[in-house]
Structure formats: structure tokens, C-alpha cells
Amino acid sequence: MVDTTRLMVHCPLCHSENTPRTEGLVRDLPEIPVLKCSDCSLVFLGSFDHIHDEFYEESKMRVDDINMDTWISETKGDDERRFRYLHNFLRNADVLDFGAGNGGFLRLAKQDARSVTAVELDREASLLFERNNIPHHRFLKDIPANKRFNLITAFHVIEHLKNPIDFLKEASSLLHPDGSLYLEFPNADDALLSLYGSKPFSEFTYWSCHLMLFNHETIKVAIKKAGLQCKNIKQIQRYPLSNHLYWLAKGLPGGHDAWPFLDSQKLNIEYEKILANAKVCDTLLVEVSL
């Protein structure tokens, strides 16, 4: 249970008190309000107290208690997409993946990188890293002081952190001077919320593990506050048109499985371009430099 007497009122990014409740529910902890800062537009939960290191160590984020093979299978598409996009950056590079999950991206990166390193709290995942000869640590502070990386990645991690600016500072201290940090995370301005106004989606998408949700503008604010440079923001649409149509017609997830006949590669590429122009894709991939 969440102590509702300790709910937040200040925006954790700009510290404004102008943070009214926005439409939507936290699907697994509905007593926590979803707030949106009227000044900077950050979306965040009204309490962070329910999340602690032990939560992730004990694999509690994987609520369905899926086994390792299923977990690896579920992330395979995203792992391969990220590998393709970053392929040219991986050659002879020292790579660190923060919040590495089951290590799918690093298993691919090993093909080209000089070295790969994982940082991950999930104790069960450590077995996968040992099995694949991937050095791993629980915290960034555990990495040797003289170690530096050409590429640091954090895929769907920053939204889980209570202090994302502190993370940006700590991670960037491990970069080579010309290195890059790549962040991937859900877009707070997802089209189903900001364009289509799907109420059922707003009562499904918010999750107690996602403490803050950034958009195209708020992530630039966070990066600037960390003393870093935002080099590029790429809009990515992970879920296709069929998924959106199903939400609008049925108010339910899974449209890409129920109505796959509506999808084609050409159609989904064009749909992503349209949403990207409006900055309302479901995912953002951001390159950060010193």
C-alpha cells in the first residue's frame, strides 16, 4: 500500500507546485495519482516510495513471473532493432548497457564491440551474463574507476529512476570524451494519449514502475540540468497502426495480434513518419554527449 499522506506536489524536474492530476490511472496501484507539471509538462507519479533497489533485485518488475526463455524471446525484436541502429557505433567500442535486463542487446553487441559490460540489479539475470561471459555489476559505482566507455546505453530505464539527473551525471562520467550515451524510453506524448485521447489507454499505460515519463522537450531539460548535450532525438513507433485502431475501436491492447492483416511494412513505416513529424510516437531514442 502507498501512504497517500506523503504524495508529492512538486515537479521533480522543475520543482513547480503547479502539478494537477492528469487523466489516467496507475493500473497496478490506482491510489497513486498521475500528475503533469503545467510549467514543464513532465508526467510523473504522485509517489515514488513503493520502489526500492530490492524491488528490482527480486525480479518483481517481471510481474507475470515469466521464465528466462520467454523473457529473451519477448525482447528479441527490440534487441535486434537497437543493434541494427547502433551497429556502426559498436565496432571496436567499449560498450556499457545500464539496466541490461536479460542481456539481449549485449549478446548481439559482442559480435563487433571490443568489450561489453552490463549493469543490472535483477539477480536472476546475472546467471545469463555469467553464461554468456559478459562482465556485470549491480551499480555504476562498482565499475573500476579507470574504466571508460565509447557507448553507454540505457533502454527503458530512465523512467524507472527516482533521480534521473543524478544518473545522467554518473553515467556520463564513464564516457570517453567523444563517447555517446543513448537513452530509450516511452514518450509521455504517445499518440494514444496526446492525439487520440484514448481513455482506456490512459487507464492501462501508466504503471507503478514508471515514475517519470518524458517527452521531446522535458528530456532536453533533464539533459541540460545534468550539464550534458542533447545531440539527437529519434521518434520510434514500436506498436503499429493495427494496435492503435484496436484501442480506438475496442479499448483494448493487443490489436497487432488480433488484426495483423491491417499491417504491412510500408504502411507502418509511413505511419511512423507521420507520428514522428507530430512528435507523438510511443518511444524516444535520445543521443547524449559531454
Protein backbone atom coordinates (compact mmCIF):
# COMPACT_ATOMS: atom_id res chain seq x y z
CA MET A 1 0.00 0.00 0.00
CA VAL A 2 1.07 3.57 -0.68
CA ASP A 3 0.96 6.17 2.09
CA THR A 4 -1.27 8.75 0.40
CA THR A 5 -0.44 11.31 3.11
CA ARG A 6 3.04 11.60 1.56
CA LEU A 7 2.03 12.27 -2.03
CA MET A 8 4.28 14.61 -3.99
CA VAL A 9 3.22 18.08 -5.05
CA HIS A 10 6.47 19.43 -6.51
CA CYS A 11 7.56 18.58 -10.05
CA PRO A 12 10.78 16.52 -9.72
CA LEU A 13 12.21 18.20 -12.83
CA CYS A 14 11.45 21.93 -12.50
CA HIS A 15 10.19 21.94 -8.87
CA SER A 16 6.97 23.74 -9.76
CA GLU A 17 3.97 23.26 -7.48
CA ASN A 18 1.65 23.64 -10.46
CA THR A 19 1.15 19.89 -10.93
CA PRO A 20 -2.52 18.98 -11.40
CA ARG A 21 -3.70 15.42 -11.81
CA THR A 22 -3.93 14.28 -15.41
CA GLU A 23 -6.39 11.80 -16.87
CA GLY A 24 -5.47 8.19 -16.35
CA LEU A 25 -4.89 5.58 -13.68
CA VAL A 26 -1.84 3.66 -12.48
CA ARG A 27 -3.05 0.21 -13.48
CA ASP A 28 -1.47 -1.73 -10.60
CA LEU A 29 -1.63 1.00 -7.89
CA PRO A 30 -4.66 3.16 -8.70
CA GLU A 31 -4.39 5.04 -5.40
CA ILE A 32 -1.31 6.85 -6.77
CA PRO A 33 -2.30 9.87 -8.88
CA VAL A 34 -0.72 10.60 -12.26
CA LEU A 35 0.44 14.22 -12.27
CA LYS A 36 1.52 16.54 -15.07
CA CYS A 37 3.52 19.68 -14.49
CA SER A 38 1.77 22.66 -16.06
CA ASP A 39 5.08 24.53 -16.35
CA CYS A 40 7.46 21.97 -17.92
CA SER A 41 4.96 19.19 -18.92
CA LEU A 42 6.74 16.34 -17.10
CA VAL A 43 4.37 13.46 -16.30
CA PHE A 44 5.12 11.69 -13.01
CA LEU A 45 3.57 9.59 -10.28
CA GLY A 46 2.42 11.20 -7.07
CA SER A 47 4.64 8.88 -5.01
CA PHE A 48 7.94 7.07 -5.56
CA ASP A 49 8.02 5.37 -2.14
CA HIS A 50 6.90 1.97 -3.43
CA ILE A 51 10.09 1.47 -5.49
CA HIS A 52 13.45 0.44 -3.99
CA ASP A 53 16.55 -1.48 -5.13
CA GLU A 54 15.27 -4.75 -3.67
CA PHE A 55 12.19 -4.49 -5.88
CA TYR A 56 14.36 -4.92 -8.99
CA GLU A 57 16.81 -7.34 -7.38
CA GLU A 58 13.95 -9.74 -6.69
CA SER A 59 12.68 -9.59 -10.29
CA LYS A 60 9.39 -8.01 -9.20
CA MET A 61 9.22 -5.84 -12.32
CA ARG A 62 8.52 -9.02 -14.28
CA VAL A 63 5.02 -9.26 -12.85
CA ASP A 64 3.96 -12.27 -14.89
CA ASP A 65 6.80 -14.37 -13.45
CA ILE A 66 7.91 -15.36 -16.95
CA ASN A 67 10.81 -17.75 -17.37
CA MET A 68 14.13 -16.74 -18.89
CA ASP A 69 13.49 -18.22 -22.34
CA THR A 70 10.19 -16.36 -22.65
CA TRP A 71 11.79 -13.14 -21.44
CA ILE A 72 14.57 -13.42 -24.03
CA SER A 73 12.03 -14.18 -26.77
CA GLU A 74 9.89 -11.17 -25.82
CA THR A 75 12.80 -8.70 -26.05
CA LYS A 76 14.37 -10.19 -29.20
CA GLY A 77 12.75 -7.74 -31.65
CA ASP A 78 13.78 -4.66 -29.67
CA ASP A 79 17.28 -6.04 -29.09
CA GLU A 80 17.76 -6.58 -32.82
CA ARG A 81 16.32 -3.14 -33.70
CA ARG A 82 18.72 -1.41 -31.30
CA PHE A 83 21.65 -3.45 -32.58
CA ARG A 84 20.89 -2.50 -36.18
CA TYR A 85 20.57 1.19 -35.33
CA LEU A 86 23.78 1.32 -33.28
CA HIS A 87 25.78 -1.15 -35.35
CA ASN A 88 28.23 1.39 -36.72
CA PHE A 89 28.95 2.73 -33.22
CA LEU A 90 29.76 -0.72 -31.85
CA ARG A 91 32.83 -1.56 -33.93
CA ASN A 92 35.86 -1.85 -31.64
CA ALA A 93 33.97 0.06 -28.95
CA ASP A 94 33.82 -0.44 -25.20
CA VAL A 95 30.09 -0.71 -24.51
CA LEU A 96 28.14 -0.46 -21.26
CA ASP A 97 24.43 -1.27 -21.03
CA PHE A 98 22.78 0.10 -17.89
CA GLY A 99 19.68 -1.80 -16.82
CA ALA A 100 20.73 -4.53 -19.23
CA GLY A 101 17.80 -6.83 -18.48
CA ASN A 102 18.44 -10.27 -19.92
CA GLY A 103 21.46 -9.02 -21.88
CA GLY A 104 19.96 -9.50 -25.34
CA PHE A 105 21.45 -6.30 -26.76
CA LEU A 106 24.91 -7.05 -25.34
CA ARG A 107 24.90 -10.59 -26.71
CA LEU A 108 24.50 -9.06 -30.17
CA ALA A 109 26.94 -6.21 -29.50
CA LYS A 110 29.67 -8.72 -28.58
CA GLN A 111 29.99 -9.56 -32.27
CA ASP A 112 31.56 -6.17 -33.03
CA ALA A 113 32.50 -4.44 -29.78
CA ARG A 114 35.92 -4.53 -28.15
CA SER A 115 34.26 -5.14 -24.79
CA VAL A 116 30.77 -5.24 -23.31
CA THR A 117 29.71 -4.66 -19.72
CA ALA A 118 26.30 -4.96 -18.06
CA VAL A 119 24.84 -3.15 -15.07
CA GLU A 120 21.72 -4.91 -13.81
CA LEU A 121 20.07 -5.41 -10.41
CA ASP A 122 17.96 -8.44 -11.32
CA ARG A 123 19.66 -11.37 -9.58
CA GLU A 124 18.26 -13.99 -11.98
CA ALA A 125 19.68 -12.09 -14.95
CA SER A 126 23.19 -12.41 -13.52
CA LEU A 127 23.11 -16.10 -14.45
CA LEU A 128 22.61 -15.15 -18.10
CA PHE A 129 25.58 -12.79 -18.03
CA GLU A 130 27.81 -15.47 -16.50
CA ARG A 131 26.62 -17.99 -19.08
CA ASN A 132 27.49 -15.58 -21.92
CA ASN A 133 30.80 -14.35 -20.44
CA ILE A 134 29.53 -10.79 -20.04
CA PRO A 135 31.09 -8.85 -17.13
CA HIS A 136 28.32 -7.46 -14.96
CA HIS A 137 27.84 -5.20 -11.95
CA ARG A 138 24.91 -4.21 -9.77
CA PHE A 139 25.65 -0.48 -9.73
CA LEU A 140 27.59 2.04 -11.82
CA LYS A 141 29.74 2.78 -8.77
CA ASP A 142 31.03 -0.82 -8.91
CA ILE A 143 32.79 -0.21 -12.25
CA PRO A 144 36.57 0.27 -11.91
CA ALA A 145 37.45 3.95 -11.56
CA ASN A 146 39.74 3.96 -14.61
CA LYS A 147 37.26 2.31 -16.98
CA ARG A 148 35.73 4.46 -19.74
CA PHE A 149 33.24 3.60 -22.48
CA ASN A 150 32.68 4.75 -26.06
CA LEU A 151 29.00 3.87 -25.87
CA ILE A 152 26.65 3.68 -22.89
CA THR A 153 23.05 2.59 -23.40
CA ALA A 154 20.03 2.68 -21.12
CA PHE A 155 16.98 1.16 -22.80
CA HIS A 156 13.69 1.77 -20.97
CA VAL A 157 15.45 2.60 -17.73
CA ILE A 158 15.31 6.35 -17.11
CA GLU A 159 11.56 6.26 -16.49
CA HIS A 160 12.21 3.87 -13.57
CA LEU A 161 14.66 6.15 -11.75
CA LYS A 162 13.89 8.42 -8.81
CA ASN A 163 16.85 10.68 -9.68
CA PRO A 164 17.37 10.59 -13.47
CA ILE A 165 19.58 13.70 -13.49
CA ASP A 166 21.95 12.10 -10.98
CA PHE A 167 22.04 9.03 -13.21
CA LEU A 168 22.89 11.14 -16.27
CA LYS A 169 25.77 12.76 -14.40
CA GLU A 170 27.11 9.46 -13.07
CA ALA A 171 26.81 7.62 -16.39
CA SER A 172 28.38 10.45 -18.39
CA SER A 173 31.40 10.43 -16.05
CA LEU A 174 32.19 6.98 -17.50
CA LEU A 175 32.20 8.17 -21.12
CA HIS A 176 35.24 8.77 -23.29
CA PRO A 177 35.38 12.48 -24.27
CA ASP A 178 33.90 11.68 -27.70
CA GLY A 179 31.56 8.93 -26.44
CA SER A 180 27.76 8.87 -26.51
CA LEU A 181 25.01 7.91 -24.11
CA TYR A 182 21.83 6.57 -25.69
CA LEU A 183 18.54 6.67 -23.80
CA GLU A 184 15.38 4.91 -24.97
CA PHE A 185 12.12 5.42 -23.09
CA PRO A 186 8.33 5.74 -23.53
CA ASN A 187 7.12 9.05 -24.90
CA ALA A 188 4.79 10.86 -22.50
CA ASP A 189 3.14 12.33 -25.62
CA ASP A 190 2.22 8.91 -27.05
CA ALA A 191 -0.38 9.47 -29.81
CA LEU A 192 -2.97 7.38 -27.99
CA LEU A 193 -2.85 9.97 -25.20
CA SER A 194 -1.96 13.28 -26.82
CA LEU A 195 -3.59 12.87 -30.25
CA TYR A 196 -6.41 10.33 -29.93
CA GLY A 197 -7.25 10.84 -26.25
CA SER A 198 -7.99 7.18 -25.59
CA LYS A 199 -9.40 6.93 -22.06
CA PRO A 200 -8.99 3.11 -21.88
CA PHE A 201 -5.34 3.50 -22.88
CA SER A 202 -4.83 6.17 -20.20
CA GLU A 203 -6.09 3.66 -17.64
CA PHE A 204 -3.71 0.96 -18.94
CA THR A 205 -0.42 2.58 -19.87
CA TYR A 206 0.57 4.13 -16.53
CA TRP A 207 2.44 1.66 -14.34
CA SER A 208 3.85 1.89 -10.84
CA CYS A 209 7.36 1.10 -12.12
CA HIS A 210 7.36 4.14 -14.42
CA LEU A 211 7.98 7.02 -12.05
CA MET A 212 8.51 9.75 -14.65
CA LEU A 213 7.56 9.98 -18.29
CA PHE A 214 9.48 12.38 -20.53
CA ASN A 215 8.54 13.86 -23.87
CA HIS A 216 10.58 15.52 -26.64
CA GLU A 217 11.02 18.70 -24.59
CA THR A 218 11.32 17.52 -20.98
CA ILE A 219 14.16 15.12 -21.77
CA LYS A 220 16.13 18.09 -23.16
CA VAL A 221 15.54 19.92 -19.88
CA ALA A 222 16.83 16.94 -17.87
CA ILE A 223 19.91 16.59 -20.09
CA LYS A 224 20.70 20.31 -19.77
CA LYS A 225 20.29 20.17 -15.97
CA ALA A 226 22.84 17.34 -15.95
CA GLY A 227 25.32 19.58 -17.80
CA LEU A 228 25.21 17.49 -20.98
CA GLN A 229 24.35 17.97 -24.65
CA CYS A 230 21.32 16.54 -26.44
CA LYS A 231 22.67 15.60 -29.88
CA ASN A 232 19.66 13.91 -31.43
CA ILE A 233 16.14 12.72 -30.65
CA LYS A 234 14.69 9.94 -32.78
CA GLN A 235 10.99 9.13 -32.68
CA ILE A 236 10.23 5.39 -32.82
CA GLN A 237 6.83 3.73 -33.16
CA ARG A 238 7.08 0.27 -31.61
CA TYR A 239 3.38 -0.56 -31.95
CA PRO A 240 1.76 -0.47 -35.41
CA LEU A 241 -1.41 1.13 -36.75
CA SER A 242 -3.44 -2.01 -36.03
CA ASN A 243 -2.68 -1.60 -32.34
CA HIS A 244 -3.93 2.00 -32.35
CA LEU A 245 -7.09 1.17 -34.29
CA TYR A 246 -7.88 -1.65 -31.85
CA TRP A 247 -7.51 0.70 -28.88
CA LEU A 248 -9.85 3.21 -30.53
CA ALA A 249 -12.40 0.59 -31.59
CA LYS A 250 -12.28 -1.88 -28.69
CA GLY A 251 -10.48 -0.02 -25.89
CA LEU A 252 -8.13 -2.96 -25.50
CA PRO A 253 -4.43 -3.77 -26.09
CA GLY A 254 -3.15 -6.42 -28.48
CA GLY A 255 -4.50 -5.09 -31.76
CA HIS A 256 -1.30 -6.01 -33.59
CA ASP A 257 -2.02 -9.65 -32.66
CA ALA A 258 -5.80 -9.50 -33.23
CA TRP A 259 -5.73 -7.57 -36.53
CA PRO A 260 -2.36 -8.32 -38.17
CA PHE A 261 -3.98 -8.17 -41.63
CA LEU A 262 -4.09 -4.38 -41.23
CA ASP A 263 -0.31 -4.15 -41.07
CA SER A 264 2.34 -4.00 -43.73
CA GLN A 265 5.94 -2.85 -43.54
CA LYS A 266 5.31 0.02 -45.95
CA LEU A 267 2.19 1.18 -44.09
CA ASN A 268 3.87 1.07 -40.69
CA ILE A 269 6.92 2.97 -41.94
CA GLU A 270 4.69 5.73 -43.30
CA TYR A 271 2.58 5.79 -40.14
CA GLU A 272 5.71 6.15 -38.02
CA LYS A 273 6.88 9.07 -40.18
CA ILE A 274 3.55 10.86 -39.73
CA LEU A 275 3.57 10.38 -35.95
CA ALA A 276 7.25 11.34 -35.76
CA ASN A 277 6.56 14.65 -37.51
CA ALA A 278 4.00 15.40 -34.80
CA LYS A 279 6.41 14.14 -32.08
CA VAL A 280 3.84 11.62 -30.82
CA CYS A 281 5.47 8.23 -31.45
CA ASP A 282 5.31 5.86 -28.50
CA THR A 283 9.09 5.77 -27.94
CA LEU A 284 12.03 8.19 -27.97
CA LEU A 285 15.70 7.33 -28.59
CA VAL A 286 17.99 10.15 -27.50
CA GLU A 287 21.72 10.58 -28.07
CA VAL A 288 23.55 12.46 -25.31
CA SER A 289 27.14 13.70 -25.32
CA LEU A 290 29.51 15.54 -22.99
